[in-house]
Amino acid sequence: MSAPALPDLPYSGAITDVAGIEVGHHTDSRRPTGSTVILAREGAVAGVDVRGAAPGTRETDLLSPGNFVQQVHAILLAGGSAWGLAAADGVVRWLEERGVGLDVRFGRLPIVPGAVLFDLPVGDARIRPDAASGYAACEAASTAAPAEGNVGAGAGALVGKLFGAQHAMKGGIGTASVKVGGVTVGALIACNALGDVLDPDTGELLAGSRTDDGRALRDTRRSLLRGELPKPLLAGTNTTIGVIATDAVLTKVQAQRLAAVAHDGLARAINPVHTMSDGDTLFALATGRVALEDEAPGMTVLSTMAAEVAAQATVRAVLAARAIATAQLSIPAARDWPQRQDGRAR
């Protein structure tokens, strides 16, 4: 599914600007949850960095530079907490049916790491992404710019929950890309952060915990520093997950480093970030279409690009989101909050 027009959103580009990358979403019609798949059918060197204290992940150990597997064929992002990891089974089946995977003599084994976020407070928590959801996301995958906001892994995402979900705002999924010296770096971020989201260029709060009357942003950072006490939280009930992709030729060590520095972008756009109740996880994919020759950007520039697109995609995730209402919660979004007339948060 390609993205609808979203006026007034800052930044541009998409992770699918990276050659060799496709993205597909499946959004469950029964409640806000879903799966997002990032396909690299020809294989991509991959790395991962987990900064949140309560991650829900699959196949991350094999991405360690010292381990055997060199390439992956897809990354799964999903809602549903740990139950949502089942969606990866559908991705594996879809790829196997198309002969994509690591040759293990007895068949081709698709390598599909993944990460999940906790979106169970919105709607019936018994409805979670499953193998059929992962398979459907693959069926929808293309090289078009992916839809953003309330779709796929971002369908049930909320942000600003430190003072209770009733004061939260809608999170979502967003994408962005930059190109320097012939090399492209893109990001796809599903933002379900415990903290607030802010504009990394101006520091302006965009979405997050609202005041008790629901009419203004509380500013979680300043509230905590004033001594206000957060609501008790379960570990892992939040989490921002995503993928950084580049068409550069990278080693596994370099891919892991790219995933690590991309977290700097999350730290610019989310505050607080990487908390005990977040499972923040970023993957890096390198499709290897552009050699890092003398005139091409090196790792310092690529790292700067990765942090930049991670921050940009996080901003787009909340500004593309729309309000939702369930039997338990009514959650406004930055773009359609009554106080916002220009598509930007105030």
C-alpha atoms as a PDB file:
ATOM      1  CA  MET A   1       0.000   0.000   0.000  1.00  0.00           C
ATOM      2  CA  SER A   2       1.508   3.332  -1.004  1.00  0.00           C
ATOM      3  CA  ALA A   3       1.350   6.363   1.213  1.00  0.00           C
ATOM      4  CA  PRO A   4      -1.570   8.823   1.011  1.00  0.00           C
ATOM      5  CA  ALA A   5      -0.827  12.521   0.678  1.00  0.00           C
ATOM      6  CA  LEU A   6       0.121  13.995   4.045  1.00  0.00           C
ATOM      7  CA  PRO A   7       0.345  17.794   3.764  1.00  0.00           C
ATOM      8  CA  ASP A   8       2.634  19.822   5.995  1.00  0.00           C
ATOM      9  CA  LEU A   9       4.791  16.899   7.090  1.00  0.00           C
ATOM     10  CA  PRO A  10       8.469  17.749   7.445  1.00  0.00           C
ATOM     11  CA  TYR A  11      11.276  15.788   5.787  1.00  0.00           C
ATOM     12  CA  SER A  12      10.947  13.532   2.791  1.00  0.00           C
ATOM     13  CA  GLY A  13      11.990  10.276   1.217  1.00  0.00           C
ATOM     14  CA  ALA A  14      11.387   6.686   2.257  1.00  0.00           C
ATOM     15  CA  ILE A  15      13.350   3.588   3.173  1.00  0.00           C
ATOM     16  CA  THR A  16      12.324   2.146  -0.200  1.00  0.00           C
ATOM     17  CA  ASP A  17      14.580   4.733  -1.862  1.00  0.00           C
ATOM     18  CA  VAL A  18      17.306   2.237  -0.955  1.00  0.00           C
ATOM     19  CA  ALA A  19      17.788  -0.169  -3.870  1.00  0.00           C
ATOM     20  CA  GLY A  20      16.888  -3.728  -2.928  1.00  0.00           C
ATOM     21  CA  ILE A  21      14.379  -2.816  -0.192  1.00  0.00           C
ATOM     22  CA  GLU A  22      10.618  -3.431  -0.259  1.00  0.00           C
ATOM     23  CA  VAL A  23       8.079  -2.675   2.492  1.00  0.00           C
ATOM     24  CA  GLY A  24       4.628  -4.061   3.148  1.00  0.00           C
ATOM     25  CA  HIS A  25       2.070  -3.521   5.911  1.00  0.00           C
ATOM     26  CA  HIS A  26      -0.787  -5.583   7.241  1.00  0.00           C
ATOM     27  CA  THR A  27      -3.200  -3.701   9.494  1.00  0.00           C
ATOM     28  CA  ASP A  28      -5.762  -5.732  11.432  1.00  0.00           C
ATOM     29  CA  SER A  29      -9.307  -4.472  10.861  1.00  0.00           C
ATOM     30  CA  ARG A  30     -10.498  -5.812  14.239  1.00  0.00           C
ATOM     31  CA  ARG A  31      -8.370  -3.581  16.444  1.00  0.00           C
ATOM     32  CA  PRO A  32      -5.380  -1.264  16.000  1.00  0.00           C
ATOM     33  CA  THR A  33      -2.461  -3.653  15.529  1.00  0.00           C
ATOM     34  CA  GLY A  34      -0.507  -5.105  12.647  1.00  0.00           C
ATOM     35  CA  SER A  35       2.724  -6.181  11.021  1.00  0.00           C
ATOM     36  CA  THR A  36       5.277  -4.485   8.818  1.00  0.00           C
ATOM     37  CA  VAL A  37       7.847  -6.370   6.779  1.00  0.00           C
ATOM     38  CA  ILE A  38      11.029  -4.979   5.231  1.00  0.00           C
ATOM     39  CA  LEU A  39      12.110  -7.339   2.461  1.00  0.00           C
ATOM     40  CA  ALA A  40      15.610  -7.759   1.056  1.00  0.00           C
ATOM     41  CA  ARG A  41      14.976 -10.684  -1.293  1.00  0.00           C
ATOM     42  CA  GLU A  42      18.537 -10.766  -2.613  1.00  0.00           C
ATOM     43  CA  GLY A  43      19.916 -10.706   0.910  1.00  0.00           C
ATOM     44  CA  ALA A  44      21.369  -7.878   2.972  1.00  0.00           C
ATOM     45  CA  VAL A  45      24.193  -7.708   5.474  1.00  0.00           C
ATOM     46  CA  ALA A  46      22.543  -6.911   8.798  1.00  0.00           C
ATOM     47  CA  GLY A  47      23.256  -5.614  12.273  1.00  0.00           C
ATOM     48  CA  VAL A  48      21.154  -4.834  15.324  1.00  0.00           C
ATOM     49  CA  ASP A  49      21.418  -2.730  18.457  1.00  0.00           C
ATOM     50  CA  VAL A  50      19.051  -3.065  21.421  1.00  0.00           C
ATOM     51  CA  ARG A  51      18.980  -0.139  23.845  1.00  0.00           C
ATOM     52  CA  GLY A  52      15.656  -0.551  25.621  1.00  0.00           C
ATOM     53  CA  ALA A  53      15.636  -2.659  28.785  1.00  0.00           C
ATOM     54  CA  ALA A  54      12.599  -4.781  27.869  1.00  0.00           C
ATOM     55  CA  PRO A  55      12.935  -5.941  24.241  1.00  0.00           C
ATOM     56  CA  GLY A  56      10.827  -8.472  22.392  1.00  0.00           C
ATOM     57  CA  THR A  57      12.998  -9.841  19.599  1.00  0.00           C
ATOM     58  CA  ARG A  58      13.695 -12.802  17.320  1.00  0.00           C
ATOM     59  CA  GLU A  59      16.965 -13.985  15.722  1.00  0.00           C
ATOM     60  CA  THR A  60      19.052 -11.059  16.976  1.00  0.00           C
ATOM     61  CA  ASP A  61      21.948 -13.176  18.251  1.00  0.00           C
ATOM     62  CA  LEU A  62      22.773 -14.418  14.746  1.00  0.00           C
ATOM     63  CA  LEU A  63      23.449 -10.801  13.709  1.00  0.00           C
ATOM     64  CA  SER A  64      26.461 -10.603  16.007  1.00  0.00           C
ATOM     65  CA  PRO A  65      29.532  -9.997  13.807  1.00  0.00           C
ATOM     66  CA  GLY A  66      31.210 -13.139  15.156  1.00  0.00           C
ATOM     67  CA  ASN A  67      28.349 -15.443  14.203  1.00  0.00           C
ATOM     68  CA  PHE A  68      27.982 -17.462  11.019  1.00  0.00           C
ATOM     69  CA  VAL A  69      25.027 -16.017   9.096  1.00  0.00           C
ATOM     70  CA  GLN A  70      26.106 -13.097   6.916  1.00  0.00           C
ATOM     71  CA  GLN A  71      22.844 -11.940   5.353  1.00  0.00           C
ATOM     72  CA  VAL A  72      19.153 -11.719   6.181  1.00  0.00           C
ATOM     73  CA  HIS A  73      16.191 -11.726   3.797  1.00  0.00           C
ATOM     74  CA  ALA A  74      13.628  -9.708   5.751  1.00  0.00           C
ATOM     75  CA  ILE A  75      13.000  -7.893   9.013  1.00  0.00           C
ATOM     76  CA  LEU A  76       9.662  -8.111  10.799  1.00  0.00           C
ATOM     77  CA  LEU A  77       8.242  -5.288  12.908  1.00  0.00           C
ATOM     78  CA  ALA A  78       4.952  -6.034  14.665  1.00  0.00           C
ATOM     79  CA  GLY A  79       2.554  -5.117  17.420  1.00  0.00           C
ATOM     80  CA  GLY A  80       1.117  -7.615  19.874  1.00  0.00           C
ATOM     81  CA  SER A  81       4.043  -7.774  22.297  1.00  0.00           C
ATOM     82  CA  ALA A  82       5.814 -11.173  22.348  1.00  0.00           C
ATOM     83  CA  TRP A  83       2.765 -12.836  20.782  1.00  0.00           C
ATOM     84  CA  GLY A  84       3.373 -10.728  17.668  1.00  0.00           C
ATOM     85  CA  LEU A  85       6.661 -12.499  16.973  1.00  0.00           C
ATOM     86  CA  ALA A  86       4.537 -15.280  15.485  1.00  0.00           C
ATOM     87  CA  ALA A  87       4.051 -13.044  12.427  1.00  0.00           C
ATOM     88  CA  ALA A  88       7.636 -13.859  11.415  1.00  0.00           C
ATOM     89  CA  ASP A  89       6.543 -17.422  10.653  1.00  0.00           C
ATOM     90  CA  GLY A  90       4.345 -16.072   7.874  1.00  0.00           C
ATOM     91  CA  VAL A  91       7.235 -14.041   6.477  1.00  0.00           C
ATOM     92  CA  VAL A  92       9.439 -17.155   6.453  1.00  0.00           C
ATOM     93  CA  ARG A  93       6.748 -19.153   4.660  1.00  0.00           C
ATOM     94  CA  TRP A  94       6.193 -16.448   2.038  1.00  0.00           C
ATOM     95  CA  LEU A  95       9.904 -16.203   1.270  1.00  0.00           C
ATOM     96  CA  GLU A  96      10.380 -19.974   1.193  1.00  0.00           C
ATOM     97  CA  GLU A  97       7.568 -20.325  -1.332  1.00  0.00           C
ATOM     98  CA  ARG A  98       9.552 -17.997  -3.596  1.00  0.00           C
ATOM     99  CA  GLY A  99      12.877 -19.771  -3.178  1.00  0.00           C
ATOM    100  CA  VAL A 100      14.410 -16.995  -1.088  1.00  0.00           C
ATOM    101  CA  GLY A 101      16.754 -17.949   1.712  1.00  0.00           C
ATOM    102  CA  LEU A 102      20.047 -19.409   2.835  1.00  0.00           C
ATOM    103  CA  ASP A 103      20.935 -22.645   1.047  1.00  0.00           C
ATOM    104  CA  VAL A 104      21.104 -25.280   3.783  1.00  0.00           C
ATOM    105  CA  ARG A 105      21.262 -28.223   1.338  1.00  0.00           C
ATOM    106  CA  PHE A 106      17.794 -29.499   2.260  1.00  0.00           C
ATOM    107  CA  GLY A 107      16.075 -26.282   1.265  1.00  0.00           C
ATOM    108  CA  ARG A 108      16.376 -22.530   1.309  1.00  0.00           C
ATOM    109  CA  LEU A 109      15.988 -21.141   4.803  1.00  0.00           C
ATOM    110  CA  PRO A 110      14.811 -17.502   4.991  1.00  0.00           C
ATOM    111  CA  ILE A 111      16.552 -15.548   7.741  1.00  0.00           C
ATOM    112  CA  VAL A 112      13.995 -13.197   9.321  1.00  0.00           C
ATOM    113  CA  PRO A 113      14.938 -11.350  12.519  1.00  0.00           C
ATOM    114  CA  GLY A 114      12.222  -9.268  14.112  1.00  0.00           C
ATOM    115  CA  ALA A 115      11.096  -7.056  16.966  1.00  0.00           C
ATOM    116  CA  VAL A 116       7.731  -6.258  18.512  1.00  0.00           C
ATOM    117  CA  LEU A 117       6.133  -3.409  20.418  1.00  0.00           C
ATOM    118  CA  PHE A 118       3.434  -3.436  23.093  1.00  0.00           C
ATOM    119  CA  ASP A 119       0.098  -2.180  21.746  1.00  0.00           C
ATOM    120  CA  LEU A 120      -2.238  -4.312  23.885  1.00  0.00           C
ATOM    121  CA  PRO A 121      -4.019  -1.396  25.668  1.00  0.00           C
ATOM    122  CA  VAL A 122      -5.895  -0.396  22.483  1.00  0.00           C
ATOM    123  CA  GLY A 123      -8.816  -2.701  21.820  1.00  0.00           C
ATOM    124  CA  ASP A 124      -9.108  -6.428  22.453  1.00  0.00           C
ATOM    125  CA  ALA A 125      -5.660  -7.601  23.571  1.00  0.00           C
ATOM    126  CA  ARG A 126      -6.489 -11.150  22.473  1.00  0.00           C
ATOM    127  CA  ILE A 127      -6.157  -9.982  18.859  1.00  0.00           C
ATOM    128  CA  ARG A 128      -2.477 -10.024  17.916  1.00  0.00           C
ATOM    129  CA  PRO A 129      -0.451 -10.296  14.692  1.00  0.00           C
ATOM    130  CA  ASP A 130       0.060 -13.924  13.682  1.00  0.00           C
ATOM    131  CA  ALA A 131       1.631 -15.848  10.815  1.00  0.00           C
ATOM    132  CA  ALA A 132      -1.222 -14.841   8.506  1.00  0.00           C
ATOM    133  CA  SER A 133      -0.514 -11.184   9.287  1.00  0.00           C
ATOM    134  CA  GLY A 134       3.175 -11.545   8.415  1.00  0.00           C
ATOM    135  CA  TYR A 135       2.303 -13.352   5.197  1.00  0.00           C
ATOM    136  CA  ALA A 136      -0.210 -10.620   4.245  1.00  0.00           C
ATOM    137  CA  ALA A 137       2.400  -7.924   4.879  1.00  0.00           C
ATOM    138  CA  CYS A 138       4.719  -9.690   2.420  1.00  0.00           C
ATOM    139  CA  GLU A 139       1.926  -9.897  -0.148  1.00  0.00           C
ATOM    140  CA  ALA A 140       1.515  -6.128   0.131  1.00  0.00           C
ATOM    141  CA  ALA A 141       5.236  -5.342  -0.130  1.00  0.00           C
ATOM    142  CA  SER A 142       6.552  -3.124  -2.900  1.00  0.00           C
ATOM    143  CA  THR A 143       9.233  -0.555  -3.663  1.00  0.00           C
ATOM    144  CA  ALA A 144       6.681   2.284  -3.404  1.00  0.00           C
ATOM    145  CA  ALA A 145       6.920   4.694  -0.485  1.00  0.00           C
ATOM    146  CA  PRO A 146       5.121   2.900   2.344  1.00  0.00           C
ATOM    147  CA  ALA A 147       2.053   4.261   4.101  1.00  0.00           C
ATOM    148  CA  GLU A 148       2.734   6.038   7.386  1.00  0.00           C
ATOM    149  CA  GLY A 149       0.849   6.655  10.614  1.00  0.00           C
ATOM    150  CA  ASN A 150      -1.800   4.187  11.803  1.00  0.00           C
ATOM    151  CA  VAL A 151      -0.701   1.209   9.718  1.00  0.00           C
ATOM    152  CA  GLY A 152       1.193  -2.023  10.201  1.00  0.00           C
ATOM    153  CA  ALA A 153       3.358  -2.159  13.291  1.00  0.00           C
ATOM    154  CA  GLY A 154       2.378   1.433  14.097  1.00  0.00           C
ATOM    155  CA  ALA A 155      -1.392   0.852  14.065  1.00  0.00           C
ATOM    156  CA  GLY A 156      -1.755   0.615  17.840  1.00  0.00           C
ATOM    157  CA  ALA A 157       1.288   2.649  18.878  1.00  0.00           C
ATOM    158  CA  LEU A 158       0.937   5.348  21.547  1.00  0.00           C
ATOM    159  CA  VAL A 159       3.451   7.877  22.874  1.00  0.00           C
ATOM    160  CA  GLY A 160       3.729   9.761  26.151  1.00  0.00           C
ATOM    161  CA  LYS A 161       2.463   7.111  28.578  1.00  0.00           C
ATOM    162  CA  LEU A 162       4.582   7.864  31.620  1.00  0.00           C
ATOM    163  CA  PHE A 163       1.658   9.488  33.443  1.00  0.00           C
ATOM    164  CA  GLY A 164      -0.923   6.971  32.267  1.00  0.00           C
ATOM    165  CA  ALA A 165      -2.272   5.785  28.915  1.00  0.00           C
ATOM    166  CA  GLN A 166      -5.318   8.030  29.338  1.00  0.00           C
ATOM    167  CA  HIS A 167      -2.985  11.017  28.884  1.00  0.00           C
ATOM    168  CA  ALA A 168      -1.106   9.564  25.893  1.00  0.00           C
ATOM    169  CA  MET A 169      -1.215  10.548  22.220  1.00  0.00           C
ATOM    170  CA  LYS A 170      -1.138   8.472  19.059  1.00  0.00           C
ATOM    171  CA  GLY A 171       2.146   7.106  17.815  1.00  0.00           C
ATOM    172  CA  GLY A 172       2.628   5.408  14.480  1.00  0.00           C
ATOM    173  CA  ILE A 173       5.096   4.409  11.815  1.00  0.00           C
ATOM    174  CA  GLY A 174       7.143   6.791   9.680  1.00  0.00           C
ATOM    175  CA  THR A 175       9.866   6.757   7.065  1.00  0.00           C
ATOM    176  CA  ALA A 176      12.529   9.077   5.657  1.00  0.00           C
ATOM    177  CA  SER A 177      15.724   8.964   3.603  1.00  0.00           C
ATOM    178  CA  VAL A 178      18.759  11.059   2.732  1.00  0.00           C
ATOM    179  CA  LYS A 179      21.322  10.745  -0.055  1.00  0.00           C
ATOM    180  CA  VAL A 180      24.930  11.908   0.081  1.00  0.00           C
ATOM    181  CA  GLY A 181      27.614  11.255  -2.532  1.00  0.00           C
ATOM    182  CA  GLY A 182      25.643   8.595  -4.348  1.00  0.00           C
ATOM    183  CA  VAL A 183      24.808   6.609  -1.199  1.00  0.00           C
ATOM    184  CA  THR A 184      21.266   6.451   0.216  1.00  0.00           C
ATOM    185  CA  VAL A 185      20.305   5.781   3.828  1.00  0.00           C
ATOM    186  CA  GLY A 186      16.664   5.334   4.799  1.00  0.00           C
ATOM    187  CA  ALA A 187      14.744   4.556   7.962  1.00  0.00           C
ATOM    188  CA  LEU A 188      11.404   3.049   8.908  1.00  0.00           C
ATOM    189  CA  ILE A 189      10.455   3.659  12.550  1.00  0.00           C
ATOM    190  CA  ALA A 190       7.450   2.374  14.531  1.00  0.00           C
ATOM    191  CA  CYS A 191       7.215   4.760  17.474  1.00  0.00           C
ATOM    192  CA  ASN A 192       5.439   3.499  20.599  1.00  0.00           C
ATOM    193  CA  ALA A 193       7.618   5.416  23.040  1.00  0.00           C
ATOM    194  CA  LEU A 194       7.083   5.852  26.746  1.00  0.00           C
ATOM    195  CA  GLY A 195       8.466   9.376  26.361  1.00  0.00           C
ATOM    196  CA  ASP A 196       7.465  12.434  24.345  1.00  0.00           C
ATOM    197  CA  VAL A 197       8.372  13.051  20.701  1.00  0.00           C
ATOM    198  CA  LEU A 198       9.974  16.368  19.785  1.00  0.00           C
ATOM    199  CA  ASP A 199      11.298  18.151  16.738  1.00  0.00           C
ATOM    200  CA  PRO A 200      15.052  17.409  16.731  1.00  0.00           C
ATOM    201  CA  ASP A 201      15.818  20.703  14.976  1.00  0.00           C
ATOM    202  CA  THR A 202      13.860  23.047  17.278  1.00  0.00           C
ATOM    203  CA  GLY A 203      13.196  21.074  20.455  1.00  0.00           C
ATOM    204  CA  GLU A 204       9.466  21.727  20.052  1.00  0.00           C
ATOM    205  CA  LEU A 205       7.242  19.077  21.620  1.00  0.00           C
ATOM    206  CA  LEU A 206       5.134  17.366  18.976  1.00  0.00           C
ATOM    207  CA  ALA A 207       3.290  14.612  20.827  1.00  0.00           C
ATOM    208  CA  GLY A 208       3.414  12.987  24.229  1.00  0.00           C
ATOM    209  CA  SER A 209       1.882  12.989  27.656  1.00  0.00           C
ATOM    210  CA  ARG A 210      -0.955  15.484  28.037  1.00  0.00           C
ATOM    211  CA  THR A 211      -1.965  17.474  31.090  1.00  0.00           C
ATOM    212  CA  ASP A 212      -4.786  16.211  33.297  1.00  0.00           C
ATOM    213  CA  ASP A 213      -7.361  18.256  31.365  1.00  0.00           C
ATOM    214  CA  GLY A 214      -6.004  16.804  28.105  1.00  0.00           C
ATOM    215  CA  ARG A 215      -5.645  20.204  26.452  1.00  0.00           C
ATOM    216  CA  ALA A 216      -1.877  20.709  26.484  1.00  0.00           C
ATOM    217  CA  LEU A 217       1.346  18.756  26.430  1.00  0.00           C
ATOM    218  CA  ARG A 218       2.697  18.070  29.901  1.00  0.00           C
ATOM    219  CA  ASP A 219       6.408  17.887  28.921  1.00  0.00           C
ATOM    220  CA  THR A 220       7.452  14.610  30.506  1.00  0.00           C
ATOM    221  CA  ARG A 221      11.112  15.543  30.946  1.00  0.00           C
ATOM    222  CA  ARG A 222      10.404  18.730  32.844  1.00  0.00           C
ATOM    223  CA  SER A 223       7.648  17.054  34.864  1.00  0.00           C
ATOM    224  CA  LEU A 224      10.039  14.366  36.055  1.00  0.00           C
ATOM    225  CA  LEU A 225      12.713  16.921  36.917  1.00  0.00           C
ATOM    226  CA  ARG A 226      10.150  18.844  38.953  1.00  0.00           C
ATOM    227  CA  GLY A 227       9.617  15.715  41.004  1.00  0.00           C
ATOM    228  CA  GLU A 228       6.274  14.579  39.594  1.00  0.00           C
ATOM    229  CA  LEU A 229       5.877  10.844  40.042  1.00  0.00           C
ATOM    230  CA  PRO A 230       5.112   8.641  37.023  1.00  0.00           C
ATOM    231  CA  LYS A 231       2.410   6.004  37.068  1.00  0.00           C
ATOM    232  CA  PRO A 232       3.568   2.443  37.850  1.00  0.00           C
ATOM    233  CA  LEU A 233       4.531   0.694  34.616  1.00  0.00           C
ATOM    234  CA  LEU A 234       5.040  -2.832  33.421  1.00  0.00           C
ATOM    235  CA  ALA A 235       8.350  -3.446  31.690  1.00  0.00           C
ATOM    236  CA  GLY A 236       8.125  -3.625  27.921  1.00  0.00           C
ATOM    237  CA  THR A 237       4.766  -1.884  27.601  1.00  0.00           C
ATOM    238  CA  ASN A 238       6.151   0.660  25.142  1.00  0.00           C
ATOM    239  CA  THR A 239       9.066   0.391  22.654  1.00  0.00           C
ATOM    240  CA  THR A 240      10.276   2.066  19.463  1.00  0.00           C
ATOM    241  CA  ILE A 241      11.483  -0.352  16.800  1.00  0.00           C
ATOM    242  CA  GLY A 242      12.782   0.174  13.299  1.00  0.00           C
ATOM    243  CA  VAL A 243      15.134  -0.483  10.432  1.00  0.00           C
ATOM    244  CA  ILE A 244      17.932   1.593   8.946  1.00  0.00           C
ATOM    245  CA  ALA A 245      18.830   0.579   5.393  1.00  0.00           C
ATOM    246  CA  THR A 246      21.553   1.648   3.001  1.00  0.00           C
ATOM    247  CA  ASP A 247      22.650   0.656  -0.481  1.00  0.00           C
ATOM    248  CA  ALA A 248      26.307   0.854   0.584  1.00  0.00           C
ATOM    249  CA  VAL A 249      28.568  -2.193   0.808  1.00  0.00           C
ATOM    250  CA  LEU A 250      29.094  -2.871   4.531  1.00  0.00           C
ATOM    251  CA  THR A 251      30.521  -5.640   6.680  1.00  0.00           C
ATOM    252  CA  LYS A 252      28.556  -7.084   9.588  1.00  0.00           C
ATOM    253  CA  VAL A 253      30.714  -5.035  11.964  1.00  0.00           C
ATOM    254  CA  GLN A 254      29.860  -1.850  10.067  1.00  0.00           C
ATOM    255  CA  ALA A 255      26.163  -2.759   9.908  1.00  0.00           C
ATOM    256  CA  GLN A 256      26.077  -3.298  13.650  1.00  0.00           C
ATOM    257  CA  ARG A 257      27.761   0.069  14.138  1.00  0.00           C
ATOM    258  CA  LEU A 258      25.191   1.745  11.882  1.00  0.00           C
ATOM    259  CA  ALA A 259      22.381   0.298  14.005  1.00  0.00           C
ATOM    260  CA  ALA A 260      24.102   1.541  17.155  1.00  0.00           C
ATOM    261  CA  VAL A 261      24.573   5.139  16.041  1.00  0.00           C
ATOM    262  CA  ALA A 262      21.039   5.291  14.646  1.00  0.00           C
ATOM    263  CA  HIS A 263      19.860   5.241  18.260  1.00  0.00           C
ATOM    264  CA  ASP A 264      21.343   8.745  18.518  1.00  0.00           C
ATOM    265  CA  GLY A 265      18.505   9.784  16.226  1.00  0.00           C
ATOM    266  CA  LEU A 266      15.937   8.266  18.579  1.00  0.00           C
ATOM    267  CA  ALA A 267      17.534  10.168  21.448  1.00  0.00           C
ATOM    268  CA  ARG A 268      17.167  13.439  19.531  1.00  0.00           C
ATOM    269  CA  ALA A 269      13.469  12.855  18.853  1.00  0.00           C
ATOM    270  CA  ILE A 270      12.264  10.995  21.983  1.00  0.00           C
ATOM    271  CA  ASN A 271      12.647  12.071  25.618  1.00  0.00           C
ATOM    272  CA  PRO A 272      12.990  10.064  27.802  1.00  0.00           C
ATOM    273  CA  VAL A 273      14.198   7.218  25.599  1.00  0.00           C
ATOM    274  CA  HIS A 274      15.688   3.737  26.178  1.00  0.00           C
ATOM    275  CA  THR A 275      13.888   3.382  29.507  1.00  0.00           C
ATOM    276  CA  MET A 276      13.324   0.324  31.656  1.00  0.00           C
ATOM    277  CA  SER A 277       9.840   0.063  30.145  1.00  0.00           C
ATOM    278  CA  ASP A 278      10.954   0.376  26.500  1.00  0.00           C
ATOM    279  CA  GLY A 279      12.421  -2.362  24.316  1.00  0.00           C
ATOM    280  CA  ASP A 280      13.954   0.011  21.760  1.00  0.00           C
ATOM    281  CA  THR A 281      15.554  -2.027  18.964  1.00  0.00           C
ATOM    282  CA  LEU A 282      17.015  -0.894  15.643  1.00  0.00           C
ATOM    283  CA  PHE A 283      18.189  -3.104  12.792  1.00  0.00           C
ATOM    284  CA  ALA A 284      20.547  -2.052   9.998  1.00  0.00           C
ATOM    285  CA  LEU A 285      20.474  -3.508   6.473  1.00  0.00           C
ATOM    286  CA  ALA A 286      23.093  -3.017   3.752  1.00  0.00           C
ATOM    287  CA  THR A 287      22.036  -4.156   0.280  1.00  0.00           C
ATOM    288  CA  GLY A 288      25.533  -3.636  -1.138  1.00  0.00           C
ATOM    289  CA  ARG A 289      24.698  -1.801  -4.359  1.00  0.00           C
ATOM    290  CA  VAL A 290      27.215   1.057  -3.888  1.00  0.00           C
ATOM    291  CA  ALA A 291      30.877   0.508  -3.012  1.00  0.00           C
ATOM    292  CA  LEU A 292      32.396   2.836  -0.434  1.00  0.00           C
ATOM    293  CA  GLU A 293      35.202   4.076  -2.669  1.00  0.00           C
ATOM    294  CA  ASP A 294      37.417   7.086  -2.054  1.00  0.00           C
ATOM    295  CA  GLU A 295      34.860   9.611  -3.291  1.00  0.00           C
ATOM    296  CA  ALA A 296      31.912   7.962  -1.487  1.00  0.00           C
ATOM    297  CA  PRO A 297      30.854   8.703   2.107  1.00  0.00           C
ATOM    298  CA  GLY A 298      32.682   6.705   4.756  1.00  0.00           C
ATOM    299  CA  MET A 299      31.315   5.389   8.034  1.00  0.00           C
ATOM    300  CA  THR A 300      31.386   8.779   9.741  1.00  0.00           C
ATOM    301  CA  VAL A 301      29.078  10.264   7.124  1.00  0.00           C
ATOM    302  CA  LEU A 302      26.925   7.125   6.967  1.00  0.00           C
ATOM    303  CA  SER A 303      26.557   7.227  10.744  1.00  0.00           C
ATOM    304  CA  THR A 304      25.460  10.842  10.612  1.00  0.00           C
ATOM    305  CA  MET A 305      22.941   9.966   7.907  1.00  0.00           C
ATOM    306  CA  ALA A 306      21.598   7.025   9.931  1.00  0.00           C
ATOM    307  CA  ALA A 307      20.977   9.103  13.042  1.00  0.00           C
ATOM    308  CA  GLU A 308      19.363  11.815  10.927  1.00  0.00           C
ATOM    309  CA  VAL A 309      16.870   9.560   9.164  1.00  0.00           C
ATOM    310  CA  ALA A 310      16.019   7.758  12.408  1.00  0.00           C
ATOM    311  CA  ALA A 311      15.052  11.087  13.962  1.00  0.00           C
ATOM    312  CA  GLN A 312      13.182  12.229  10.858  1.00  0.00           C
ATOM    313  CA  ALA A 313      11.197   9.001  10.563  1.00  0.00           C
ATOM    314  CA  THR A 314      10.263   9.187  14.247  1.00  0.00           C
ATOM    315  CA  VAL A 315       8.839  12.687  13.751  1.00  0.00           C
ATOM    316  CA  ARG A 316       6.896  11.570  10.694  1.00  0.00           C
ATOM    317  CA  ALA A 317       5.522   8.596  12.632  1.00  0.00           C
ATOM    318  CA  VAL A 318       3.647  10.842  15.067  1.00  0.00           C
ATOM    319  CA  LEU A 319       2.737  13.611  12.625  1.00  0.00           C
ATOM    320  CA  ALA A 320       1.249  11.116  10.164  1.00  0.00           C
ATOM    321  CA  ALA A 321      -0.799   9.405  12.877  1.00  0.00           C
ATOM    322  CA  ARG A 322      -4.541   9.863  13.367  1.00  0.00           C
ATOM    323  CA  ALA A 323      -6.659   9.815  16.520  1.00  0.00           C
ATOM    324  CA  ILE A 324      -8.204   6.541  17.647  1.00  0.00           C
ATOM    325  CA  ALA A 325     -10.986   5.615  20.058  1.00  0.00           C
ATOM    326  CA  THR A 326     -11.655   2.289  21.725  1.00  0.00           C
ATOM    327  CA  ALA A 327     -14.050   1.269  24.477  1.00  0.00           C
ATOM    328  CA  GLN A 328     -11.355   2.094  27.029  1.00  0.00           C
ATOM    329  CA  LEU A 329      -9.397   4.988  25.519  1.00  0.00           C
ATOM    330  CA  SER A 330      -9.789   8.065  23.342  1.00  0.00           C
ATOM    331  CA  ILE A 331      -6.372   9.008  21.978  1.00  0.00           C
ATOM    332  CA  PRO A 332      -5.756  12.251  20.036  1.00  0.00           C
ATOM    333  CA  ALA A 333      -3.001  12.651  17.453  1.00  0.00           C
ATOM    334  CA  ALA A 334      -0.674  15.542  16.713  1.00  0.00           C
ATOM    335  CA  ARG A 335      -2.065  16.216  13.223  1.00  0.00           C
ATOM    336  CA  ASP A 336      -5.730  16.409  14.142  1.00  0.00           C
ATOM    337  CA  TRP A 337      -5.691  17.683  17.707  1.00  0.00           C
ATOM    338  CA  PRO A 338      -8.127  20.648  17.933  1.00  0.00           C
ATOM    339  CA  GLN A 339      -5.317  23.020  18.884  1.00  0.00           C
ATOM    340  CA  ARG A 340      -3.452  22.220  15.660  1.00  0.00           C
ATOM    341  CA  GLN A 341      -4.621  23.854  12.467  1.00  0.00           C
ATOM    342  CA  ASP A 342      -1.534  23.585  10.282  1.00  0.00           C
ATOM    343  CA  GLY A 343      -0.674  19.889  10.569  1.00  0.00           C
ATOM    344  CA  ARG A 344       2.159  20.633  12.999  1.00  0.00           C
ATOM    345  CA  ALA A 345       2.099  20.321  16.752  1.00  0.00           C
ATOM    346  CA  ARG A 346       2.137  23.427  18.904  1.00  0.00           C
END
